[in-house]
Amino acid sequence: MYGIEVEGLSFLEAVLTGMTVCSVYTCLRALRRIIRHTPAAIAAEDLFFWLGTALYMFVQIHHTTSGSIRWYFILGVVLGSFFFSRMSKIPGKLRKKLYAKRMGKFGENG
């Protein structure tokens, strides 16, 4: 049972790794919306992001699975990224629904 527990914890760390990478890229995208960037600046940001992501993933793989790439680690990273991307869209959808409801309410009276 000890081996399964270790692999389960490694999977959870992989999910957190995927969520972390996705959250950093989401912050980078938000920064691009706030501050206008040239195509060269976007290319440089993407290059540094992917180099940093590669280094971060290498460290995480080395830390969690002693340097061996396991299928469950890759699956965990993908699932973590997917989960974060889906969860990060909820506030925007909720805001749109509330705004539409409020506009409908005020539109009837006005």
PDB file of N, CA and C in Angstrom:
ATOM      1  N   MET A   1       0.817  -1.193   0.000  1.00  0.00           N
ATOM      2  CA  MET A   1       0.000   0.000   0.000  1.00  0.00           C
ATOM      3  C   MET A   1       0.863   1.259   0.000  1.00  0.00           C
ATOM      4  N   TYR A   2       2.090   1.143   0.477  1.00  0.00           N
ATOM      5  CA  TYR A   2       2.970   2.300   0.554  1.00  0.00           C
ATOM      6  C   TYR A   2       3.241   2.871  -0.839  1.00  0.00           C
ATOM      7  N   GLY A   3       3.431   2.025  -1.844  1.00  0.00           N
ATOM      8  CA  GLY A   3       3.733   2.487  -3.193  1.00  0.00           C
ATOM      9  C   GLY A   3       2.583   3.259  -3.810  1.00  0.00           C
ATOM     10  N   ILE A   4       1.355   2.782  -3.571  1.00  0.00           N
ATOM     11  CA  ILE A   4       0.189   3.461  -4.131  1.00  0.00           C
ATOM     12  C   ILE A   4       0.004   4.827  -3.480  1.00  0.00           C
ATOM     13  N   GLU A   5       0.259   4.922  -2.183  1.00  0.00           N
ATOM     14  CA  GLU A   5       0.137   6.209  -1.499  1.00  0.00           C
ATOM     15  C   GLU A   5       1.127   7.222  -2.062  1.00  0.00           C
ATOM     16  N   VAL A   6       2.348   6.775  -2.300  1.00  0.00           N
ATOM     17  CA  VAL A   6       3.369   7.668  -2.849  1.00  0.00           C
ATOM     18  C   VAL A   6       2.985   8.105  -4.258  1.00  0.00           C
ATOM     19  N   GLU A   7       2.493   7.166  -5.068  1.00  0.00           N
ATOM     20  CA  GLU A   7       2.092   7.526  -6.429  1.00  0.00           C
ATOM     21  C   GLU A   7       0.866   8.438  -6.415  1.00  0.00           C
ATOM     22  N   GLY A   8      -0.044   8.237  -5.473  1.00  0.00           N
ATOM     23  CA  GLY A   8      -1.201   9.114  -5.347  1.00  0.00           C
ATOM     24  C   GLY A   8      -0.799  10.525  -4.987  1.00  0.00           C
ATOM     25  N   LEU A   9       0.154  10.644  -4.057  1.00  0.00           N
ATOM     26  CA  LEU A   9       0.648  11.979  -3.703  1.00  0.00           C
ATOM     27  C   LEU A   9       1.398  12.623  -4.866  1.00  0.00           C
ATOM     28  N   SER A  10       2.127  11.817  -5.619  1.00  0.00           N
ATOM     29  CA  SER A  10       2.814  12.344  -6.799  1.00  0.00           C
ATOM     30  C   SER A  10       1.810  12.843  -7.825  1.00  0.00           C
ATOM     31  N   PHE A  11       0.703  12.109  -7.979  1.00  0.00           N
ATOM     32  CA  PHE A  11      -0.343  12.532  -8.899  1.00  0.00           C
ATOM     33  C   PHE A  11      -0.943  13.864  -8.451  1.00  0.00           C
ATOM     34  N   LEU A  12      -1.215  14.006  -7.161  1.00  0.00           N
ATOM     35  CA  LEU A  12      -1.760  15.267  -6.652  1.00  0.00           C
ATOM     36  C   LEU A  12      -0.782  16.420  -6.836  1.00  0.00           C
ATOM     37  N   GLU A  13       0.500  16.157  -6.643  1.00  0.00           N
ATOM     38  CA  GLU A  13       1.507  17.197  -6.890  1.00  0.00           C
ATOM     39  C   GLU A  13       1.550  17.557  -8.368  1.00  0.00           C
ATOM     40  N   ALA A  14       1.345  16.576  -9.237  1.00  0.00           N
ATOM     41  CA  ALA A  14       1.308  16.853 -10.668  1.00  0.00           C
ATOM     42  C   ALA A  14       0.098  17.703 -11.024  1.00  0.00           C
ATOM     43  N   VAL A  15      -1.041  17.426 -10.399  1.00  0.00           N
ATOM     44  CA  VAL A  15      -2.237  18.244 -10.623  1.00  0.00           C
ATOM     45  C   VAL A  15      -1.964  19.682 -10.191  1.00  0.00           C
ATOM     46  N   LEU A  16      -1.342  19.852  -9.038  1.00  0.00           N
ATOM     47  CA  LEU A  16      -0.998  21.207  -8.572  1.00  0.00           C
ATOM     48  C   LEU A  16       0.010  21.873  -9.496  1.00  0.00           C
ATOM     49  N   THR A  17       0.919  21.090 -10.050  1.00  0.00           N
ATOM     50  CA  THR A  17       1.892  21.632 -11.001  1.00  0.00           C
ATOM     51  C   THR A  17       1.171  22.157 -12.241  1.00  0.00           C
ATOM     52  N   GLY A  18       0.240  21.379 -12.764  1.00  0.00           N
ATOM     53  CA  GLY A  18      -0.533  21.817 -13.927  1.00  0.00           C
ATOM     54  C   GLY A  18      -1.343  23.057 -13.624  1.00  0.00           C
ATOM     55  N   MET A  19      -1.944  23.100 -12.438  1.00  0.00           N
ATOM     56  CA  MET A  19      -2.723  24.274 -12.046  1.00  0.00           C
ATOM     57  C   MET A  19      -1.832  25.501 -11.914  1.00  0.00           C
ATOM     58  N   THR A  20      -0.642  25.312 -11.391  1.00  0.00           N
ATOM     59  CA  THR A  20       0.295  26.429 -11.232  1.00  0.00           C
ATOM     60  C   THR A  20       0.720  26.987 -12.580  1.00  0.00           C
ATOM     61  N   VAL A  21       1.072  26.110 -13.505  1.00  0.00           N
ATOM     62  CA  VAL A  21       1.495  26.561 -14.836  1.00  0.00           C
ATOM     63  C   VAL A  21       0.354  27.305 -15.527  1.00  0.00           C
ATOM     64  N   CYS A  22      -0.839  26.763 -15.437  1.00  0.00           N
ATOM     65  CA  CYS A  22      -1.995  27.397 -16.075  1.00  0.00           C
ATOM     66  C   CYS A  22      -2.321  28.744 -15.414  1.00  0.00           C
ATOM     67  N   SER A  23      -2.182  28.822 -14.104  1.00  0.00           N
ATOM     68  CA  SER A  23      -2.479  30.087 -13.425  1.00  0.00           C
ATOM     69  C   SER A  23      -1.453  31.166 -13.778  1.00  0.00           C
ATOM     70  N   VAL A  24      -0.206  30.786 -13.913  1.00  0.00           N
ATOM     71  CA  VAL A  24       0.822  31.763 -14.298  1.00  0.00           C
ATOM     72  C   VAL A  24       0.540  32.281 -15.704  1.00  0.00           C
ATOM     73  N   TYR A  25       0.153  31.378 -16.613  1.00  0.00           N
ATOM     74  CA  TYR A  25      -0.137  31.836 -17.974  1.00  0.00           C
ATOM     75  C   TYR A  25      -1.399  32.699 -18.008  1.00  0.00           C
ATOM     76  N   THR A  26      -2.366  32.401 -17.160  1.00  0.00           N
ATOM     77  CA  THR A  26      -3.567  33.228 -17.067  1.00  0.00           C
ATOM     78  C   THR A  26      -3.209  34.627 -16.586  1.00  0.00           C
ATOM     79  N   CYS A  27      -2.313  34.718 -15.628  1.00  0.00           N
ATOM     80  CA  CYS A  27      -1.847  36.038 -15.163  1.00  0.00           C
ATOM     81  C   CYS A  27      -1.116  36.779 -16.270  1.00  0.00           C
ATOM     82  N   LEU A  28      -0.328  36.065 -17.054  1.00  0.00           N
ATOM     83  CA  LEU A  28       0.380  36.681 -18.175  1.00  0.00           C
ATOM     84  C   LEU A  28      -0.618  37.206 -19.211  1.00  0.00           C
ATOM     85  N   ARG A  29      -1.659  36.439 -19.488  1.00  0.00           N
ATOM     86  CA  ARG A  29      -2.693  36.894 -20.423  1.00  0.00           C
ATOM     87  C   ARG A  29      -3.425  38.111 -19.882  1.00  0.00           C
ATOM     88  N   ALA A  30      -3.688  38.139 -18.583  1.00  0.00           N
ATOM     89  CA  ALA A  30      -4.352  39.299 -17.977  1.00  0.00           C
ATOM     90  C   ALA A  30      -3.465  40.536 -18.080  1.00  0.00           C
ATOM     91  N   LEU A  31      -2.177  40.359 -17.871  1.00  0.00           N
ATOM     92  CA  LEU A  31      -1.237  41.471 -18.001  1.00  0.00           C
ATOM     93  C   LEU A  31      -1.239  42.016 -19.425  1.00  0.00           C
ATOM     94  N   ARG A  32      -1.340  41.119 -20.399  1.00  0.00           N
ATOM     95  CA  ARG A  32      -1.374  41.553 -21.794  1.00  0.00           C
ATOM     96  C   ARG A  32      -2.633  42.341 -22.106  1.00  0.00           C
ATOM     97  N   ARG A  33      -3.726  42.042 -21.418  1.00  0.00           N
ATOM     98  CA  ARG A  33      -4.955  42.806 -21.638  1.00  0.00           C
ATOM     99  C   ARG A  33      -4.874  44.184 -20.993  1.00  0.00           C
ATOM    100  N   ILE A  34      -4.164  44.275 -19.878  1.00  0.00           N
ATOM    101  CA  ILE A  34      -4.055  45.547 -19.162  1.00  0.00           C
ATOM    102  C   ILE A  34      -3.071  46.476 -19.862  1.00  0.00           C
ATOM    103  N   ILE A  35      -1.913  45.937 -20.222  1.00  0.00           N
ATOM    104  CA  ILE A  35      -0.855  46.723 -20.866  1.00  0.00           C
ATOM    105  C   ILE A  35      -0.677  46.227 -22.291  1.00  0.00           C
ATOM    106  N   ARG A  36      -0.778  47.123 -23.230  1.00  0.00           N
ATOM    107  CA  ARG A  36      -0.635  46.756 -24.644  1.00  0.00           C
ATOM    108  C   ARG A  36       0.805  46.327 -24.922  1.00  0.00           C
ATOM    109  N   HIS A  37       0.958  45.200 -25.637  1.00  0.00           N
ATOM    110  CA  HIS A  37       2.279  44.659 -25.950  1.00  0.00           C
ATOM    111  C   HIS A  37       2.486  44.600 -27.461  1.00  0.00           C
ATOM    112  N   THR A  38       3.724  44.786 -27.854  1.00  0.00           N
ATOM    113  CA  THR A  38       4.078  44.597 -29.255  1.00  0.00           C
ATOM    114  C   THR A  38       4.232  43.095 -29.516  1.00  0.00           C
ATOM    115  N   PRO A  39       4.159  42.689 -30.768  1.00  0.00           N
ATOM    116  CA  PRO A  39       4.360  41.259 -31.063  1.00  0.00           C
ATOM    117  C   PRO A  39       5.722  40.734 -30.594  1.00  0.00           C
ATOM    118  N   ALA A  40       6.743  41.576 -30.654  1.00  0.00           N
ATOM    119  CA  ALA A  40       8.068  41.150 -30.190  1.00  0.00           C
ATOM    120  C   ALA A  40       8.070  40.935 -28.677  1.00  0.00           C
ATOM    121  N   ALA A  41       7.375  41.792 -27.945  1.00  0.00           N
ATOM    122  CA  ALA A  41       7.296  41.634 -26.490  1.00  0.00           C
ATOM    123  C   ALA A  41       6.513  40.379 -26.128  1.00  0.00           C
ATOM    124  N   ILE A  42       5.449  40.095 -26.873  1.00  0.00           N
ATOM    125  CA  ILE A  42       4.666  38.888 -26.626  1.00  0.00           C
ATOM    126  C   ILE A  42       5.513  37.645 -26.895  1.00  0.00           C
ATOM    127  N   ALA A  43       6.285  37.681 -27.976  1.00  0.00           N
ATOM    128  CA  ALA A  43       7.149  36.552 -28.299  1.00  0.00           C
ATOM    129  C   ALA A  43       8.202  36.339 -27.209  1.00  0.00           C
ATOM    130  N   ALA A  44       8.781  37.421 -26.715  1.00  0.00           N
ATOM    131  CA  ALA A  44       9.782  37.314 -25.648  1.00  0.00           C
ATOM    132  C   ALA A  44       9.152  36.790 -24.358  1.00  0.00           C
ATOM    133  N   GLU A  45       7.958  37.298 -24.026  1.00  0.00           N
ATOM    134  CA  GLU A  45       7.268  36.813 -22.824  1.00  0.00           C
ATOM    135  C   GLU A  45       6.958  35.322 -22.936  1.00  0.00           C
ATOM    136  N   ASP A  46       6.474  34.913 -24.111  1.00  0.00           N
ATOM    137  CA  ASP A  46       6.169  33.497 -24.306  1.00  0.00           C
ATOM    138  C   ASP A  46       7.425  32.634 -24.219  1.00  0.00           C
ATOM    139  N   LEU A  47       8.518  33.117 -24.794  1.00  0.00           N
ATOM    140  CA  LEU A  47       9.767  32.365 -24.724  1.00  0.00           C
ATOM    141  C   LEU A  47      10.203  32.178 -23.272  1.00  0.00           C
ATOM    142  N   PHE A  48      10.192  33.259 -22.494  1.00  0.00           N
ATOM    143  CA  PHE A  48      10.586  33.153 -21.087  1.00  0.00           C
ATOM    144  C   PHE A  48       9.598  32.320 -20.279  1.00  0.00           C
ATOM    145  N   PHE A  49       8.302  32.422 -20.614  1.00  0.00           N
ATOM    146  CA  PHE A  49       7.310  31.605 -19.923  1.00  0.00           C
ATOM    147  C   PHE A  49       7.578  30.123 -20.163  1.00  0.00           C
ATOM    148  N   TRP A  50       7.791  29.743 -21.414  1.00  0.00           N
ATOM    149  CA  TRP A  50       7.985  28.322 -21.715  1.00  0.00           C
ATOM    150  C   TRP A  50       9.329  27.810 -21.210  1.00  0.00           C
ATOM    151  N   LEU A  51      10.348  28.647 -21.209  1.00  0.00           N
ATOM    152  CA  LEU A  51      11.625  28.228 -20.609  1.00  0.00           C
ATOM    153  C   LEU A  51      11.468  28.032 -19.106  1.00  0.00           C
ATOM    154  N   GLY A  52      10.772  28.967 -18.459  1.00  0.00           N
ATOM    155  CA  GLY A  52      10.510  28.833 -17.029  1.00  0.00           C
ATOM    156  C   GLY A  52       9.631  27.627 -16.722  1.00  0.00           C
ATOM    157  N   THR A  53       8.632  27.390 -17.569  1.00  0.00           N
ATOM    158  CA  THR A  53       7.761  26.230 -17.384  1.00  0.00           C
ATOM    159  C   THR A  53       8.547  24.934 -17.539  1.00  0.00           C
ATOM    160  N   ALA A  54       9.413  24.874 -18.529  1.00  0.00           N
ATOM    161  CA  ALA A  54      10.227  23.672 -18.726  1.00  0.00           C
ATOM    162  C   ALA A  54      11.113  23.418 -17.512  1.00  0.00           C
ATOM    163  N   LEU A  55      11.730  24.457 -16.989  1.00  0.00           N
ATOM    164  CA  LEU A  55      12.575  24.309 -15.809  1.00  0.00           C
ATOM    165  C   LEU A  55      11.750  23.886 -14.598  1.00  0.00           C
ATOM    166  N   TYR A  56      10.595  24.522 -14.409  1.00  0.00           N
ATOM    167  CA  TYR A  56       9.710  24.185 -13.293  1.00  0.00           C
ATOM    168  C   TYR A  56       9.227  22.735 -13.394  1.00  0.00           C
ATOM    169  N   MET A  57       8.841  22.311 -14.597  1.00  0.00           N
ATOM    170  CA  MET A  57       8.382  20.929 -14.790  1.00  0.00           C
ATOM    171  C   MET A  57       9.524  19.939 -14.533  1.00  0.00           C
ATOM    172  N   PHE A  58      10.721  20.277 -14.988  1.00  0.00           N
ATOM    173  CA  PHE A  58      11.869  19.403 -14.750  1.00  0.00           C
ATOM    174  C   PHE A  58      12.111  19.235 -13.255  1.00  0.00           C
ATOM    175  N   VAL A  59      12.074  20.329 -12.516  1.00  0.00           N
ATOM    176  CA  VAL A  59      12.288  20.269 -11.068  1.00  0.00           C
ATOM    177  C   VAL A  59      11.182  19.459 -10.403  1.00  0.00           C
ATOM    178  N   GLN A  60       9.937  19.673 -10.822  1.00  0.00           N
ATOM    179  CA  GLN A  60       8.827  18.936 -10.230  1.00  0.00           C
ATOM    180  C   GLN A  60       8.909  17.446 -10.531  1.00  0.00           C
ATOM    181  N   ILE A  61       9.261  17.090 -11.762  1.00  0.00           N
ATOM    182  CA  ILE A  61       9.415  15.670 -12.104  1.00  0.00           C
ATOM    183  C   ILE A  61      10.536  15.060 -11.289  1.00  0.00           C
ATOM    184  N   HIS A  62      11.635  15.778 -11.161  1.00  0.00           N
ATOM    185  CA  HIS A  62      12.757  15.267 -10.380  1.00  0.00           C
ATOM    186  C   HIS A  62      12.374  15.125  -8.909  1.00  0.00           C
ATOM    187  N   HIS A  63      11.624  16.075  -8.404  1.00  0.00           N
ATOM    188  CA  HIS A  63      11.231  16.065  -6.999  1.00  0.00           C
ATOM    189  C   HIS A  63      10.216  14.967  -6.690  1.00  0.00           C
ATOM    190  N   THR A  64       9.210  14.802  -7.543  1.00  0.00           N
ATOM    191  CA  THR A  64       8.119  13.884  -7.223  1.00  0.00           C
ATOM    192  C   THR A  64       8.382  12.449  -7.647  1.00  0.00           C
ATOM    193  N   THR A  65       9.017  12.240  -8.786  1.00  0.00           N
ATOM    194  CA  THR A  65       9.194  10.871  -9.282  1.00  0.00           C
ATOM    195  C   THR A  65      10.663  10.501  -9.465  1.00  0.00           C
ATOM    196  N   SER A  66      11.542  11.193  -8.800  1.00  0.00           N
ATOM    197  CA  SER A  66      12.991  10.932  -8.861  1.00  0.00           C
ATOM    198  C   SER A  66      13.529  10.990 -10.286  1.00  0.00           C
ATOM    199  N   GLY A  67      12.968  11.848 -11.092  1.00  0.00           N
ATOM    200  CA  GLY A  67      13.483  12.080 -12.430  1.00  0.00           C
ATOM    201  C   GLY A  67      12.896  11.201 -13.514  1.00  0.00           C
ATOM    202  N   SER A  68      12.107  10.208 -13.170  1.00  0.00           N
ATOM    203  CA  SER A  68      11.517   9.359 -14.207  1.00  0.00           C
ATOM    204  C   SER A  68      10.136   9.902 -14.577  1.00  0.00           C
ATOM    205  N   ILE A  69       9.894   9.958 -15.853  1.00  0.00           N
ATOM    206  CA  ILE A  69       8.616  10.480 -16.328  1.00  0.00           C
ATOM    207  C   ILE A  69       7.594   9.352 -16.245  1.00  0.00           C
ATOM    208  N   ARG A  70       6.571   9.571 -15.449  1.00  0.00           N
ATOM    209  CA  ARG A  70       5.509   8.574 -15.263  1.00  0.00           C
ATOM    210  C   ARG A  70       4.257   9.050 -15.975  1.00  0.00           C
ATOM    211  N   TRP A  71       3.448   8.130 -16.455  1.00  0.00           N
ATOM    212  CA  TRP A  71       2.224   8.483 -17.171  1.00  0.00           C
ATOM    213  C   TRP A  71       1.260   9.239 -16.273  1.00  0.00           C
ATOM    214  N   TYR A  72       1.214   8.875 -14.994  1.00  0.00           N
ATOM    215  CA  TYR A  72       0.277   9.548 -14.104  1.00  0.00           C
ATOM    216  C   TYR A  72       0.721  10.973 -13.790  1.00  0.00           C
ATOM    217  N   PHE A  73       2.006  11.248 -13.889  1.00  0.00           N
ATOM    218  CA  PHE A  73       2.460  12.625 -13.696  1.00  0.00           C
ATOM    219  C   PHE A  73       2.008  13.497 -14.864  1.00  0.00           C
ATOM    220  N   ILE A  74       2.184  12.993 -16.067  1.00  0.00           N
ATOM    221  CA  ILE A  74       1.755  13.745 -17.250  1.00  0.00           C
ATOM    222  C   ILE A  74       0.241  13.927 -17.231  1.00  0.00           C
ATOM    223  N   LEU A  75      -0.486  12.862 -16.890  1.00  0.00           N
ATOM    224  CA  LEU A  75      -1.942  12.950 -16.797  1.00  0.00           C
ATOM    225  C   LEU A  75      -2.361  13.958 -15.731  1.00  0.00           C
ATOM    226  N   GLY A  76      -1.675  13.975 -14.608  1.00  0.00           N
ATOM    227  CA  GLY A  76      -1.979  14.923 -13.539  1.00  0.00           C
ATOM    228  C   GLY A  76      -1.760  16.361 -13.963  1.00  0.00           C
ATOM    229  N   VAL A  77      -0.688  16.623 -14.686  1.00  0.00           N
ATOM    230  CA  VAL A  77      -0.417  17.979 -15.162  1.00  0.00           C
ATOM    231  C   VAL A  77      -1.500  18.426 -16.142  1.00  0.00           C
ATOM    232  N   VAL A  78      -1.868  17.540 -17.046  1.00  0.00           N
ATOM    233  CA  VAL A  78      -2.912  17.880 -18.029  1.00  0.00           C
ATOM    234  C   VAL A  78      -4.250  18.106 -17.322  1.00  0.00           C
ATOM    235  N   LEU A  79      -4.606  17.224 -16.401  1.00  0.00           N
ATOM    236  CA  LEU A  79      -5.869  17.386 -15.676  1.00  0.00           C
ATOM    237  C   LEU A  79      -5.873  18.645 -14.810  1.00  0.00           C
ATOM    238  N   GLY A  80      -4.755  18.948 -14.177  1.00  0.00           N
ATOM    239  CA  GLY A  80      -4.658  20.161 -13.373  1.00  0.00           C
ATOM    240  C   GLY A  80      -4.825  21.414 -14.214  1.00  0.00           C
ATOM    241  N   SER A  81      -4.209  21.430 -15.389  1.00  0.00           N
ATOM    242  CA  SER A  81      -4.358  22.577 -16.292  1.00  0.00           C
ATOM    243  C   SER A  81      -5.791  22.702 -16.773  1.00  0.00           C
ATOM    244  N   PHE A  82      -6.390  21.575 -17.146  1.00  0.00           N
ATOM    245  CA  PHE A  82      -7.775  21.585 -17.616  1.00  0.00           C
ATOM    246  C   PHE A  82      -8.718  22.039 -16.507  1.00  0.00           C
ATOM    247  N   PHE A  83      -8.527  21.518 -15.307  1.00  0.00           N
ATOM    248  CA  PHE A  83      -9.373  21.885 -14.178  1.00  0.00           C
ATOM    249  C   PHE A  83      -9.263  23.370 -13.877  1.00  0.00           C
ATOM    250  N   PHE A  84      -8.040  23.903 -13.856  1.00  0.00           N
ATOM    251  CA  PHE A  84      -7.868  25.326 -13.573  1.00  0.00           C
ATOM    252  C   PHE A  84      -8.486  26.191 -14.659  1.00  0.00           C
ATOM    253  N   SER A  85      -8.299  25.805 -15.916  1.00  0.00           N
ATOM    254  CA  SER A  85      -8.853  26.622 -16.997  1.00  0.00           C
ATOM    255  C   SER A  85     -10.375  26.644 -16.942  1.00  0.00           C
ATOM    256  N   ARG A  86     -11.002  25.531 -16.580  1.00  0.00           N
ATOM    257  CA  ARG A  86     -12.466  25.491 -16.457  1.00  0.00           C
ATOM    258  C   ARG A  86     -12.927  26.291 -15.241  1.00  0.00           C
ATOM    259  N   MET A  87     -12.240  26.155 -14.140  1.00  0.00           N
ATOM    260  CA  MET A  87     -12.642  26.862 -12.923  1.00  0.00           C
ATOM    261  C   MET A  87     -12.419  28.366 -13.034  1.00  0.00           C
ATOM    262  N   SER A  88     -11.425  28.779 -13.797  1.00  0.00           N
ATOM    263  CA  SER A  88     -11.152  30.215 -13.921  1.00  0.00           C
ATOM    264  C   SER A  88     -12.182  30.918 -14.794  1.00  0.00           C
ATOM    265  N   LYS A  89     -12.970  30.175 -15.564  1.00  0.00           N
ATOM    266  CA  LYS A  89     -13.998  30.789 -16.404  1.00  0.00           C
ATOM    267  C   LYS A  89     -15.297  31.009 -15.647  1.00  0.00           C
ATOM    268  N   ILE A  90     -15.468  30.391 -14.500  1.00  0.00           N
ATOM    269  CA  ILE A  90     -16.712  30.500 -13.740  1.00  0.00           C
ATOM    270  C   ILE A  90     -17.010  31.935 -13.295  1.00  0.00           C
ATOM    271  N   PRO A  91     -16.046  32.686 -12.740  1.00  0.00           N
ATOM    272  CA  PRO A  91     -16.370  34.060 -12.324  1.00  0.00           C
ATOM    273  C   PRO A  91     -16.845  34.943 -13.479  1.00  0.00           C
ATOM    274  N   GLY A  92     -16.264  34.790 -14.657  1.00  0.00           N
ATOM    275  CA  GLY A  92     -16.694  35.583 -15.805  1.00  0.00           C
ATOM    276  C   GLY A  92     -18.105  35.244 -16.238  1.00  0.00           C
ATOM    277  N   LYS A  93     -18.423  33.947 -16.254  1.00  0.00           N
ATOM    278  CA  LYS A  93     -19.782  33.534 -16.619  1.00  0.00           C
ATOM    279  C   LYS A  93     -20.787  34.023 -15.586  1.00  0.00           C
ATOM    280  N   LEU A  94     -20.421  33.945 -14.315  1.00  0.00           N
ATOM    281  CA  LEU A  94     -21.301  34.404 -13.252  1.00  0.00           C
ATOM    282  C   LEU A  94     -21.534  35.914 -13.352  1.00  0.00           C
ATOM    283  N   ARG A  95     -20.477  36.647 -13.641  1.00  0.00           N
ATOM    284  CA  ARG A  95     -20.593  38.098 -13.807  1.00  0.00           C
ATOM    285  C   ARG A  95     -21.522  38.440 -14.960  1.00  0.00           C
ATOM    286  N   LYS A  96     -21.404  37.717 -16.066  1.00  0.00           N
ATOM    287  CA  LYS A  96     -22.277  37.976 -17.221  1.00  0.00           C
ATOM    288  C   LYS A  96     -23.729  37.679 -16.891  1.00  0.00           C
ATOM    289  N   LYS A  97     -23.986  36.598 -16.167  1.00  0.00           N
ATOM    290  CA  LYS A  97     -25.357  36.265 -15.790  1.00  0.00           C
ATOM    291  C   LYS A  97     -25.940  37.317 -14.859  1.00  0.00           C
ATOM    292  N   LEU A  98     -25.165  37.740 -13.881  1.00  0.00           N
ATOM    293  CA  LEU A  98     -25.645  38.761 -12.952  1.00  0.00           C
ATOM    294  C   LEU A  98     -25.888  40.084 -13.660  1.00  0.00           C
ATOM    295  N   TYR A  99     -25.012  40.428 -14.584  1.00  0.00           N
ATOM    296  CA  TYR A  99     -25.163  41.670 -15.330  1.00  0.00           C
ATOM    297  C   TYR A  99     -26.417  41.617 -16.205  1.00  0.00           C
ATOM    298  N   ALA A 100     -26.631  40.479 -16.865  1.00  0.00           N
ATOM    299  CA  ALA A 100     -27.815  40.334 -17.718  1.00  0.00           C
ATOM    300  C   ALA A 100     -29.088  40.376 -16.880  1.00  0.00           C
ATOM    301  N   LYS A 101     -29.070  39.759 -15.713  1.00  0.00           N
ATOM    302  CA  LYS A 101     -30.241  39.763 -14.832  1.00  0.00           C
ATOM    303  C   LYS A 101     -30.525  41.174 -14.346  1.00  0.00           C
ATOM    304  N   ARG A 102     -29.471  41.906 -13.979  1.00  0.00           N
ATOM    305  CA  ARG A 102     -29.637  43.270 -13.476  1.00  0.00           C
ATOM    306  C   ARG A 102     -30.121  44.186 -14.588  1.00  0.00           C
ATOM    307  N   MET A 103     -29.594  44.023 -15.785  1.00  0.00           N
ATOM    308  CA  MET A 103     -30.028  44.862 -16.900  1.00  0.00           C
ATOM    309  C   MET A 103     -31.479  44.559 -17.260  1.00  0.00           C
ATOM    310  N   GLY A 104     -31.897  43.301 -17.169  1.00  0.00           N
ATOM    311  CA  GLY A 104     -33.276  42.943 -17.435  1.00  0.00           C
ATOM    312  C   GLY A 104     -34.212  43.531 -16.403  1.00  0.00           C
ATOM    313  N   LYS A 105     -33.772  43.537 -15.169  1.00  0.00           N
ATOM    314  CA  LYS A 105     -34.577  44.090 -14.085  1.00  0.00           C
ATOM    315  C   LYS A 105     -34.748  45.590 -14.241  1.00  0.00           C
ATOM    316  N   PHE A 106     -33.662  46.284 -14.545  1.00  0.00           N
ATOM    317  CA  PHE A 106     -33.734  47.736 -14.709  1.00  0.00           C
ATOM    318  C   PHE A 106     -34.358  48.118 -16.038  1.00  0.00           C
ATOM    319  N   GLY A 107     -34.255  47.238 -17.047  1.00  0.00           N
ATOM    320  CA  GLY A 107     -34.835  47.525 -18.357  1.00  0.00           C
ATOM    321  C   GLY A 107     -36.353  47.532 -18.305  1.00  0.00           C
ATOM    322  N   GLU A 108     -36.930  46.732 -17.418  1.00  0.00           N
ATOM    323  CA  GLU A 108     -38.396  46.679 -17.304  1.00  0.00           C
ATOM    324  C   GLU A 108     -38.950  47.951 -16.687  1.00  0.00           C
ATOM    325  N   ASN A 109     -38.221  48.528 -15.733  1.00  0.00           N
ATOM    326  CA  ASN A 109     -38.699  49.726 -15.044  1.00  0.00           C
ATOM    327  C   ASN A 109     -38.410  51.001 -15.834  1.00  0.00           C
ATOM    328  N   GLY A 110     -37.395  50.958 -16.667  1.00  0.00           N
ATOM    329  CA  GLY A 110     -36.953  52.195 -17.299  1.00  0.00           C
ATOM    330  C   GLY A 110     -37.451  52.355 -18.640  1.00  0.00           C
TER     331      GLY A 110
END
